[in-house]
Protein backbone atom coordinates (compact mmCIF):
# COMPACT_ATOMS: atom_id res chain seq x y z
CA MET A 1 85.72 -27.05 -7.04
CA PRO A 2 84.57 -30.71 -7.12
CA SER A 3 81.85 -31.76 -9.53
CA VAL A 4 79.12 -34.29 -10.23
CA CYS A 5 78.75 -35.72 -13.74
CA PHE A 6 75.42 -37.32 -14.71
CA TYR A 7 75.33 -39.71 -17.65
CA PHE A 8 72.32 -41.74 -18.82
CA GLU A 9 72.17 -44.58 -21.34
CA VAL A 10 69.09 -44.69 -23.61
CA HIS A 11 68.71 -47.92 -25.55
CA GLN A 12 65.98 -50.20 -26.84
CA PRO A 13 66.77 -53.24 -29.02
CA PHE A 14 64.72 -54.57 -31.90
CA ARG A 15 63.52 -57.77 -30.22
CA LEU A 16 63.06 -60.92 -32.27
CA LYS A 17 59.68 -62.60 -32.49
CA PRO A 18 59.34 -66.28 -31.55
CA TYR A 19 60.81 -67.93 -34.63
CA GLY A 20 60.44 -71.70 -34.97
CA ALA A 21 62.25 -74.18 -37.17
CA LEU A 22 59.21 -74.49 -39.48
CA GLN A 23 59.47 -70.78 -40.31
CA VAL A 24 63.00 -71.13 -41.73
CA GLY A 25 62.92 -70.57 -45.48
CA ARG A 26 59.35 -69.27 -45.34
CA ASP A 27 59.22 -66.28 -43.02
CA HIS A 28 61.78 -63.52 -43.50
CA GLU A 29 60.31 -61.00 -41.05
CA TYR A 30 62.34 -61.54 -37.88
CA PHE A 31 61.39 -58.78 -35.49
CA ASP A 32 58.40 -58.54 -33.16
CA GLU A 33 56.96 -55.23 -34.29
CA LYS A 34 54.00 -55.44 -31.88
CA LEU A 35 56.22 -56.11 -28.84
CA ASN A 36 58.79 -53.47 -29.81
CA ALA A 37 56.04 -50.88 -30.20
CA GLU A 38 54.49 -51.84 -26.86
CA VAL A 39 57.80 -51.64 -25.01
CA MET A 40 58.78 -48.31 -26.54
CA ARG A 41 55.42 -46.75 -25.75
CA LYS A 42 55.39 -48.16 -22.23
CA VAL A 43 58.89 -46.92 -21.45
CA ALA A 44 58.10 -43.60 -23.13
CA ASN A 45 55.15 -43.04 -20.81
CA LYS A 46 56.81 -44.35 -17.66
CA CYS A 47 60.32 -42.96 -18.17
CA TYR A 48 61.37 -41.00 -21.22
CA LEU A 49 58.62 -38.38 -21.32
CA PRO A 50 58.27 -37.67 -17.58
CA ALA A 51 62.03 -37.89 -17.01
CA ASN A 52 62.75 -35.52 -19.88
CA GLN A 53 60.16 -33.10 -18.50
CA SER A 54 61.87 -33.26 -15.11
CA MET A 55 65.31 -32.72 -16.64
CA LEU A 56 64.09 -29.75 -18.67
CA ARG A 57 62.45 -28.23 -15.61
CA LEU A 58 65.62 -28.68 -13.55
CA ILE A 59 67.77 -27.09 -16.25
CA GLU A 60 65.45 -24.09 -16.52
CA ARG A 61 65.05 -23.74 -12.74
CA THR A 62 68.83 -23.69 -12.20
CA ASP A 63 69.56 -21.43 -15.22
CA GLY A 64 71.55 -24.22 -16.84
CA ARG A 65 73.69 -25.05 -13.80
CA PHE A 66 72.16 -28.53 -13.79
CA ARG A 67 73.76 -30.38 -16.70
CA ILE A 68 73.39 -33.91 -17.99
CA SER A 69 74.65 -36.21 -20.71
CA TYR A 70 73.13 -39.06 -22.71
CA ALA A 71 74.08 -41.74 -25.16
CA VAL A 72 71.07 -42.62 -27.30
CA THR A 73 71.57 -45.60 -29.59
CA GLY A 74 70.61 -45.49 -33.23
CA VAL A 75 68.21 -48.40 -32.81
CA ALA A 76 66.48 -46.55 -29.97
CA ILE A 77 66.07 -43.45 -32.14
CA GLU A 78 64.73 -45.59 -35.00
CA GLN A 79 62.05 -46.95 -32.66
CA MET A 80 61.24 -43.52 -31.29
CA LYS A 81 60.55 -42.38 -34.85
CA LEU A 82 58.39 -45.45 -35.51
CA TYR A 83 56.43 -45.68 -32.27
CA ALA A 84 56.87 -42.55 -30.12
CA PRO A 85 58.10 -39.51 -32.09
CA GLU A 86 57.20 -37.21 -29.20
CA VAL A 87 60.07 -38.79 -27.23
CA LEU A 88 62.62 -37.78 -29.84
CA ASP A 89 61.12 -34.28 -29.89
CA SER A 90 61.62 -34.05 -26.12
CA PHE A 91 65.29 -35.02 -26.45
CA VAL A 92 65.71 -32.35 -29.12
CA ARG A 93 64.26 -29.77 -26.72
CA LEU A 94 66.80 -30.85 -24.12
CA ALA A 95 69.61 -30.50 -26.65
CA GLU A 96 68.48 -26.95 -27.40
CA THR A 97 69.04 -25.88 -23.78
CA GLY A 98 72.83 -26.01 -24.16
CA ALA A 99 73.04 -27.89 -20.85
CA VAL A 100 72.89 -31.39 -22.37
CA GLU A 101 75.73 -33.28 -24.00
CA PHE A 102 75.25 -36.27 -26.28
CA VAL A 103 77.95 -38.92 -26.01
CA ALA A 104 78.75 -41.25 -28.91
CA GLU A 105 78.50 -45.03 -28.82
CA THR A 106 77.79 -47.80 -31.37
CA TYR A 107 74.66 -47.18 -33.44
CA TYR A 108 73.51 -50.78 -33.02
CA HIS A 109 74.70 -51.24 -29.41
CA SER A 110 76.84 -54.10 -30.66
CA LEU A 111 79.85 -56.12 -29.53
CA ALA A 112 81.75 -55.27 -32.72
CA ALA A 113 84.65 -53.90 -30.65
CA LEU A 114 85.45 -57.51 -29.72
CA TYR A 115 84.95 -59.07 -33.15
CA ASP A 116 85.26 -56.73 -36.12
CA LYS A 117 87.09 -53.41 -35.81
CA ASP A 118 86.08 -52.23 -39.30
CA GLU A 119 82.43 -52.82 -38.44
CA TYR A 120 83.00 -51.14 -35.08
CA ARG A 121 84.36 -48.03 -36.80
CA GLU A 122 81.43 -47.91 -39.23
CA GLN A 123 78.82 -48.20 -36.47
CA ILE A 124 80.50 -45.38 -34.55
CA ASP A 125 80.51 -43.26 -37.69
CA LEU A 126 76.80 -43.93 -38.21
CA GLU A 127 76.08 -42.88 -34.62
CA MET A 128 78.15 -39.71 -34.97
CA LYS A 129 76.22 -38.70 -38.08
CA LEU A 130 72.92 -39.44 -36.34
CA ILE A 131 73.76 -37.32 -33.28
CA LYS A 132 74.78 -34.47 -35.54
CA SER A 133 71.60 -34.65 -37.63
CA GLU A 134 69.17 -35.12 -34.72
CA PHE A 135 70.76 -33.01 -31.96
CA GLY A 136 73.22 -30.74 -33.75
CA GLN A 137 76.23 -31.98 -31.77
CA THR A 138 79.54 -33.58 -32.70
CA PRO A 139 80.51 -35.79 -29.75
CA ARG A 140 83.92 -35.42 -28.14
CA VAL A 141 83.32 -38.27 -25.70
CA PHE A 142 82.65 -41.95 -26.35
CA ARG A 143 80.90 -44.68 -24.38
CA ASN A 144 81.30 -48.24 -25.63
CA THR A 145 78.43 -50.71 -25.58
CA GLU A 146 77.75 -51.75 -21.97
CA PHE A 147 80.94 -49.97 -20.89
CA ILE A 148 82.97 -52.85 -22.37
CA TYR A 149 86.56 -51.70 -22.20
CA ASN A 150 90.19 -52.80 -22.33
CA ASP A 151 93.41 -51.10 -23.34
CA GLU A 152 93.04 -52.10 -27.00
CA ILE A 153 89.55 -50.59 -27.22
CA GLY A 154 90.73 -47.42 -25.48
CA GLN A 155 93.61 -46.98 -27.89
CA PHE A 156 91.34 -47.64 -30.88
CA ILE A 157 88.84 -45.01 -29.73
CA SER A 158 91.66 -42.60 -29.01
CA ASP A 159 92.99 -43.06 -32.55
CA LEU A 160 89.52 -42.15 -33.87
CA GLY A 161 89.98 -38.74 -32.26
CA PHE A 162 87.75 -38.92 -29.19
CA GLU A 163 88.99 -36.90 -26.24
CA ALA A 164 87.52 -39.08 -23.50
CA MET A 165 85.72 -42.34 -22.72
CA LEU A 166 83.25 -43.23 -20.00
CA ILE A 167 84.10 -46.55 -18.33
CA GLU A 168 83.29 -48.72 -15.33
CA GLY A 169 85.20 -48.03 -12.13
CA ALA A 170 86.02 -51.69 -11.47
CA ASP A 171 87.73 -52.21 -8.11
CA ASP A 172 90.42 -54.61 -9.33
CA ILE A 173 91.43 -52.19 -12.08
CA LEU A 174 91.47 -49.08 -9.92
CA ASP A 175 93.21 -51.01 -7.11
CA TRP A 176 94.23 -48.30 -4.63
CA ARG A 177 92.96 -45.48 -6.83
CA SER A 178 89.67 -43.63 -6.41
CA PRO A 179 87.05 -43.51 -9.20
CA ASN A 180 86.61 -39.83 -8.36
CA PHE A 181 89.53 -38.59 -10.46
CA VAL A 182 90.20 -38.35 -14.20
CA TYR A 183 92.62 -40.86 -15.72
CA GLN A 184 93.84 -41.52 -19.25
CA VAL A 185 94.09 -44.38 -21.72
CA ALA A 186 97.30 -46.41 -21.51
CA GLY A 187 99.72 -44.97 -24.06
CA ARG A 188 97.37 -42.17 -25.12
CA ASP A 189 96.24 -38.71 -24.00
CA THR A 190 92.54 -39.61 -24.21
CA LYS A 191 90.94 -39.20 -20.79
CA LEU A 192 88.94 -41.77 -18.86
CA LEU A 193 85.97 -40.96 -16.62
CA THR A 194 85.34 -43.86 -14.25
CA LYS A 195 81.89 -44.60 -12.90
CA ASN A 196 81.46 -44.39 -9.14
CA TYR A 197 79.49 -47.61 -9.14
CA LYS A 198 78.55 -47.55 -5.48
CA LEU A 199 76.79 -44.19 -5.60
CA SER A 200 75.39 -44.85 -9.08
CA ASP A 201 73.96 -48.22 -8.06
CA ASP A 202 72.48 -46.76 -4.89
CA ILE A 203 70.11 -44.92 -7.21
CA ALA A 204 69.83 -47.38 -10.10
CA PHE A 205 69.45 -50.65 -8.17
CA ARG A 206 68.96 -50.07 -4.45
CA PHE A 207 66.67 -47.04 -4.36
CA SER A 208 63.43 -48.98 -3.71
CA ASN A 209 64.93 -51.99 -1.92
CA GLN A 210 63.30 -51.97 1.49
CA ALA A 211 65.78 -54.60 2.75
CA TRP A 212 68.67 -52.21 2.10
CA GLY A 213 70.12 -50.76 5.28
CA GLU A 214 69.99 -47.21 3.88
CA PHE A 215 66.35 -47.39 2.79
CA PRO A 216 64.70 -44.97 2.26
CA LEU A 217 67.20 -43.05 0.16
CA THR A 218 66.36 -39.36 0.29
CA ALA A 219 67.91 -36.66 -1.88
CA ASP A 220 69.25 -34.98 1.26
CA LYS A 221 70.98 -38.17 2.39
CA PHE A 222 72.46 -38.81 -1.05
CA ALA A 223 73.71 -35.24 -1.41
CA GLY A 224 75.39 -35.68 1.97
CA TRP A 225 77.21 -38.76 0.67
CA VAL A 226 78.37 -36.78 -2.36
CA HIS A 227 79.57 -33.88 -0.22
CA GLY A 228 81.41 -36.38 1.96
CA HIS A 229 83.93 -36.73 -0.87
CA SER A 230 84.98 -33.07 -0.61
CA GLY A 231 88.76 -32.92 -0.68
CA ALA A 232 89.02 -36.56 -1.79
CA GLY A 233 88.28 -36.32 -5.50
CA ASP A 234 87.56 -34.08 -8.46
CA VAL A 235 84.38 -35.59 -9.90
CA ILE A 236 81.66 -38.05 -8.86
CA ASN A 237 80.56 -39.85 -12.02
CA LEU A 238 76.96 -41.03 -11.71
CA PHE A 239 76.38 -43.26 -14.73
CA MET A 240 73.20 -45.32 -15.12
CA ASP A 241 70.44 -46.48 -17.47
CA TYR A 242 67.92 -43.73 -18.07
CA GLU A 243 65.15 -46.25 -17.48
CA THR A 244 66.11 -46.01 -13.79
CA PHE A 245 63.58 -43.17 -13.64
CA GLY A 246 60.07 -44.58 -13.83
CA GLU A 247 60.77 -47.98 -15.38
CA HIS A 248 63.27 -49.79 -13.14
CA GLN A 249 62.35 -47.60 -10.20
CA TRP A 250 58.63 -46.92 -10.55
CA LYS A 251 57.13 -43.49 -10.07
CA GLU A 252 55.49 -44.76 -6.87
CA THR A 253 58.92 -45.29 -5.26
CA GLY A 254 59.47 -41.52 -5.16
CA ILE A 255 62.30 -41.61 -7.72
CA PHE A 256 61.06 -38.48 -9.53
CA GLU A 257 60.76 -36.52 -6.30
CA PHE A 258 64.31 -37.64 -5.48
CA LEU A 259 65.48 -36.34 -8.86
CA GLU A 260 63.62 -33.03 -8.47
CA HIS A 261 65.34 -32.21 -5.17
CA LEU A 262 68.85 -33.59 -5.76
CA PRO A 263 70.45 -30.76 -7.82
CA ASP A 264 69.51 -28.01 -5.36
CA LEU A 265 70.85 -30.09 -2.49
CA ILE A 266 74.13 -30.67 -4.33
CA PHE A 267 74.40 -26.92 -5.02
CA ARG A 268 73.71 -26.20 -1.37
CA HIS A 269 77.39 -26.87 -0.77
CA PRO A 270 79.04 -23.86 -2.45
CA ASP A 271 82.12 -25.83 -3.55
CA TRP A 272 80.17 -28.26 -5.73
CA ASP A 273 78.80 -27.98 -9.27
CA ILE A 274 77.43 -30.28 -11.98
CA LEU A 275 79.24 -30.69 -15.31
CA THR A 276 78.90 -32.59 -18.57
CA PRO A 277 81.69 -35.04 -19.51
CA SER A 278 83.32 -32.55 -21.89
CA GLN A 279 83.33 -29.89 -19.19
CA VAL A 280 84.92 -32.38 -16.79
CA ILE A 281 87.82 -33.12 -19.13
CA ASP A 282 88.26 -29.43 -19.89
CA ARG A 283 88.59 -28.61 -16.19
CA TYR A 284 90.38 -31.55 -14.58
CA PRO A 285 93.76 -32.98 -15.59
CA ALA A 286 94.36 -36.72 -15.71
CA LEU A 287 96.23 -38.08 -12.72
CA GLY A 288 97.91 -40.76 -14.83
CA GLU A 289 97.29 -43.76 -17.05
CA LEU A 290 94.86 -46.52 -16.13
CA ALA A 291 95.92 -49.92 -17.51
CA PHE A 292 93.54 -52.87 -17.78
CA HIS A 293 94.61 -56.48 -17.23
CA ARG A 294 91.18 -57.74 -18.34
CA THR A 295 88.12 -56.66 -20.30
CA VAL A 296 85.51 -54.99 -18.09
CA SER A 297 81.89 -53.91 -18.43
CA TRP A 298 79.24 -52.45 -16.15
CA ALA A 299 77.16 -55.65 -16.12
CA ASP A 300 76.63 -58.17 -13.34
CA GLU A 301 78.62 -58.58 -10.16
CA ALA A 302 81.78 -59.67 -12.03
CA ARG A 303 81.77 -56.58 -14.26
CA ASP A 304 83.19 -58.62 -17.12
CA ILE A 305 81.84 -59.78 -20.51
CA SER A 306 80.32 -63.06 -19.33
CA ALA A 307 76.85 -61.51 -19.58
CA TRP A 308 77.16 -61.78 -23.38
CA ARG A 309 79.60 -64.58 -24.08
CA GLY A 310 79.87 -66.59 -20.88
CA ASN A 311 78.42 -69.83 -22.25
CA ALA A 312 78.65 -71.99 -25.38
CA MET A 313 75.31 -70.79 -26.76
CA GLN A 314 76.36 -67.16 -26.69
CA GLN A 315 79.77 -67.92 -28.15
CA ARG A 316 78.28 -69.89 -31.02
CA ALA A 317 75.68 -67.24 -31.82
CA LEU A 318 78.29 -64.48 -31.77
CA ALA A 319 80.68 -66.46 -33.96
CA GLU A 320 77.96 -67.06 -36.53
CA ILE A 321 76.68 -63.49 -36.78
CA TYR A 322 80.15 -61.98 -37.21
CA ALA A 323 81.27 -64.72 -39.61
CA LEU A 324 78.52 -63.53 -41.95
CA GLY A 325 80.11 -60.09 -42.34
CA PRO A 326 82.09 -60.66 -45.57
CA ALA A 327 79.15 -62.37 -47.31
CA ILE A 328 76.74 -59.64 -46.22
CA ARG A 329 79.00 -56.94 -47.57
CA ARG A 330 79.44 -58.72 -50.90
CA ARG A 331 75.68 -58.55 -51.43
CA ASN A 332 75.91 -54.72 -51.43
CA ASN A 333 72.35 -54.52 -50.11
CA SER A 334 71.67 -51.74 -47.61
CA HIS A 335 68.54 -53.43 -46.21
CA LEU A 336 70.42 -56.68 -45.61
CA LEU A 337 73.32 -54.81 -44.03
CA ALA A 338 70.99 -53.04 -41.58
CA LEU A 339 69.27 -56.34 -40.79
CA TRP A 340 72.61 -58.01 -40.05
CA ARG A 341 73.55 -55.12 -37.81
CA ARG A 342 70.28 -55.27 -35.88
CA LEU A 343 71.10 -58.92 -35.18
CA GLN A 344 74.44 -57.81 -33.67
CA THR A 345 72.71 -55.85 -30.88
CA SER A 346 74.15 -57.10 -27.60
CA ASP A 347 70.72 -57.72 -26.02
CA HIS A 348 70.18 -60.84 -28.15
CA PHE A 349 73.17 -62.50 -26.48
CA TYR A 350 72.37 -61.08 -23.06
CA TYR A 351 69.06 -62.97 -23.16
CA MET A 352 71.02 -66.23 -23.62
CA ALA A 353 72.99 -65.84 -20.38
CA THR A 354 72.74 -68.72 -17.90
CA LYS A 355 73.52 -66.80 -14.75
CA SER A 356 72.49 -67.45 -11.17
CA ALA A 357 71.37 -65.49 -8.11
CA SER A 358 71.00 -61.71 -8.47
CA ASP A 359 72.57 -61.67 -11.95
CA ALA A 360 69.90 -64.05 -13.23
CA GLU A 361 67.13 -61.84 -11.84
CA VAL A 362 68.40 -58.87 -13.85
CA HIS A 363 68.75 -60.91 -17.05
CA ASP A 364 65.25 -62.37 -16.62
CA TYR A 365 63.80 -58.89 -16.06
CA PHE A 366 64.94 -57.71 -19.48
CA SER A 367 64.37 -60.88 -21.51
CA PRO A 368 61.17 -61.33 -23.56
CA TYR A 369 61.74 -65.12 -23.57
CA GLU A 370 60.85 -67.92 -21.16
CA GLY A 371 64.52 -68.61 -20.68
CA PRO A 372 68.01 -68.43 -22.21
CA TYR A 373 67.57 -71.60 -24.29
CA ASP A 374 64.48 -70.17 -25.98
CA ALA A 375 66.44 -67.01 -26.77
CA PHE A 376 69.19 -69.13 -28.33
CA ILE A 377 66.84 -71.34 -30.37
CA HIS A 378 64.87 -68.44 -31.83
CA TYR A 379 68.06 -66.54 -32.66
CA MET A 380 69.72 -69.52 -34.34
CA ASN A 381 66.59 -70.25 -36.38
CA VAL A 382 66.72 -66.67 -37.64
CA MET A 383 70.39 -67.21 -38.46
CA LYS A 384 69.50 -70.30 -40.50
CA ASP A 385 67.04 -68.29 -42.54
CA LEU A 386 69.50 -65.45 -42.95
CA ASN A 387 72.15 -67.90 -44.12
CA LEU A 388 69.75 -69.09 -46.81
CA SER A 389 69.49 -65.54 -48.09
CA VAL A 390 73.21 -64.84 -48.01
CA LEU A 391 75.15 -68.04 -48.62
CA ALA A 392 72.87 -69.93 -50.98
CA PRO A 393 73.64 -69.96 -54.73
CA ALA A 394 72.38 -66.82 -56.41
CA GLU A 395 69.42 -68.52 -58.06
CA LYS A 396 68.21 -69.82 -54.68
CA GLN A 397 68.82 -66.73 -52.58
CA ILE A 398 65.94 -65.21 -50.70
CA ARG A 399 65.22 -61.66 -51.77
CA LEU A 400 65.78 -59.33 -48.81
């Protein structure tokens, strides 16, 4: 019996406020509380609350046959508690249905996997504890920040005890293979679930594009595409940002009606069902190892890591934030440690990308800045102030 696996990423960064050179040494409040509150409340009303209501209704209507999975970052949950606690309550209600699985990732949605493995391990541990305390689950499956993955990361996550990872189904990695089967980490038993990016992106990016040859995308048409894979795969992995529903694809596009009808149309074919990632790995064996000759992600057309460290500005900013690690830890200050970790969130470096064409449009959509150079300047000014608090002689250190 072939399956569909739905996974949704829920993340909101703590965005920096415009921070000029004259503020260095004087202003030690770095984050734009007003903007962060506005964004969280806007996305809550457009996406999180109505989408969670739809998901709950679908689960109840299908007696739990409709199943979904989420990764919710720690920084997103922190902002839910600050600005929209009813959103967190609605995720708890979903967890209580027994039809929702929470997948682990890094608490701060960071790039620590590429820079500091000890920090990486600690952020994963923080996320695991958070998922247990908020949703009562101990994740078996892991999803790295932005689906960034290579063999070294896979082996590291495997050694932490995770049974599976969600990754991008990049064409050059899969080669002749289909994304619609389960694979495993090179040299490990940990399973890999590869995103079917074509079908996922049909919903996430192309749904409301009137220039697209398949517009309009109806639930009946999409279910037909899914069923077209009968006999040619075990699982269709539909992985996307949760903000697809109502935020990236506005309510007026019909995205919620599409969601409401899709499960029943998938179930219309008696051979198909819908599973969580853990149920997928429990049912389907791995066909073999999947080795990576490069680091991949789910971002941009190249599906690489250039979205975060493709230019000199990004590389400098990343080098500086991770170089501060030893000094931060020596201060033994929990507030300072959390601040440093918030500044690791990948979005800060994403805003600095100097991409072109369709990639640039996506980056510009998410960025609160006029452009990548503004993002870099504000971030580096914050870093200057943070350096004053950390690296200055004790008698001159800023109290944080």
